[in-house]
């Protein structure tokens, strides 16, 4: 997730950690094999409107 934010949006690693700590939602997605669980990290992309590397804002 951190590498995705850095490469896609051009933030440095420290900035990406701050963004992830505030914006990423962790969800338990599978409880079939207790104690093994699946966890999904969800990053809402609408917080990055117009900020992709290589694109220009209107």
Protein backbone atom coordinates (compact mmCIF):
# COMPACT_ATOMS: atom_id res chain seq x y z
CA UNK A 1 0.00 0.00 0.00
CA UNK A 2 2.81 2.41 0.87
CA UNK A 3 4.68 1.67 -2.36
CA UNK A 4 1.45 2.12 -4.35
CA UNK A 5 0.90 5.60 -2.88
CA UNK A 6 4.54 6.57 -3.49
CA UNK A 7 4.70 5.37 -7.11
CA UNK A 8 1.20 6.38 -8.19
CA UNK A 9 0.84 9.75 -6.49
CA UNK A 10 4.45 10.91 -6.07
CA UNK A 11 4.52 11.25 -2.29
CA UNK A 12 7.64 10.33 -0.35
CA UNK A 13 7.60 7.30 1.97
CA UNK A 14 6.91 9.31 5.14
CA UNK A 15 4.00 11.14 3.53
CA UNK A 16 2.59 7.83 2.27
CA UNK A 17 2.76 6.37 5.78
CA UNK A 18 0.79 9.32 7.16
CA UNK A 19 -1.83 9.02 4.41
CA UNK A 20 -2.18 5.27 4.95
CA UNK A 21 -2.45 5.62 8.72
CA UNK A 22 -5.32 8.06 8.35
CA UNK A 23 -7.16 6.91 5.23
CA UNK A 24 -6.72 3.12 4.88
CA UNK A 25 -9.54 0.97 6.19
CA UNK A 26 -8.63 -2.59 7.25
CA UNK A 27 -11.39 -5.18 6.91
CA UNK A 28 -11.55 -8.79 8.06
CA UNK A 29 -12.64 -10.62 4.92
CA UNK A 30 -12.39 -14.31 5.76
CA UNK A 31 -12.96 -16.18 9.01
CA UNK A 32 -13.08 -19.72 7.64
CA UNK A 33 -9.87 -21.25 9.01
CA UNK A 34 -9.63 -19.90 12.57
CA UNK A 35 -7.07 -18.68 13.64
CA UNK A 36 -6.13 -17.78 10.02
CA UNK A 37 -8.03 -14.76 8.72
CA UNK A 38 -7.95 -12.71 5.56
CA UNK A 39 -7.46 -8.96 5.89
CA UNK A 40 -8.08 -6.44 3.13
CA UNK A 41 -6.70 -2.89 3.09
CA UNK A 42 -9.03 -0.44 1.35
CA UNK A 43 -7.73 2.95 0.22
CA UNK A 44 -10.44 5.41 -0.89
CA UNK A 45 -9.09 6.83 -4.15
CA UNK A 46 -11.34 9.88 -4.09
CA UNK A 47 -8.97 11.54 -1.60
CA UNK A 48 -6.45 11.84 -4.46
CA UNK A 49 -8.57 13.76 -6.96
CA UNK A 50 -6.26 15.23 -9.61
CA UNK A 51 -3.03 14.06 -7.94
CA UNK A 52 -1.82 11.13 -10.09
CA UNK A 53 1.77 11.37 -11.24
CA UNK A 54 1.92 12.32 -14.90
CA UNK A 55 -1.51 13.95 -15.00
CA UNK A 56 -2.40 17.59 -14.81
CA UNK A 57 -5.21 19.15 -12.83
CA UNK A 58 -7.86 20.97 -14.91
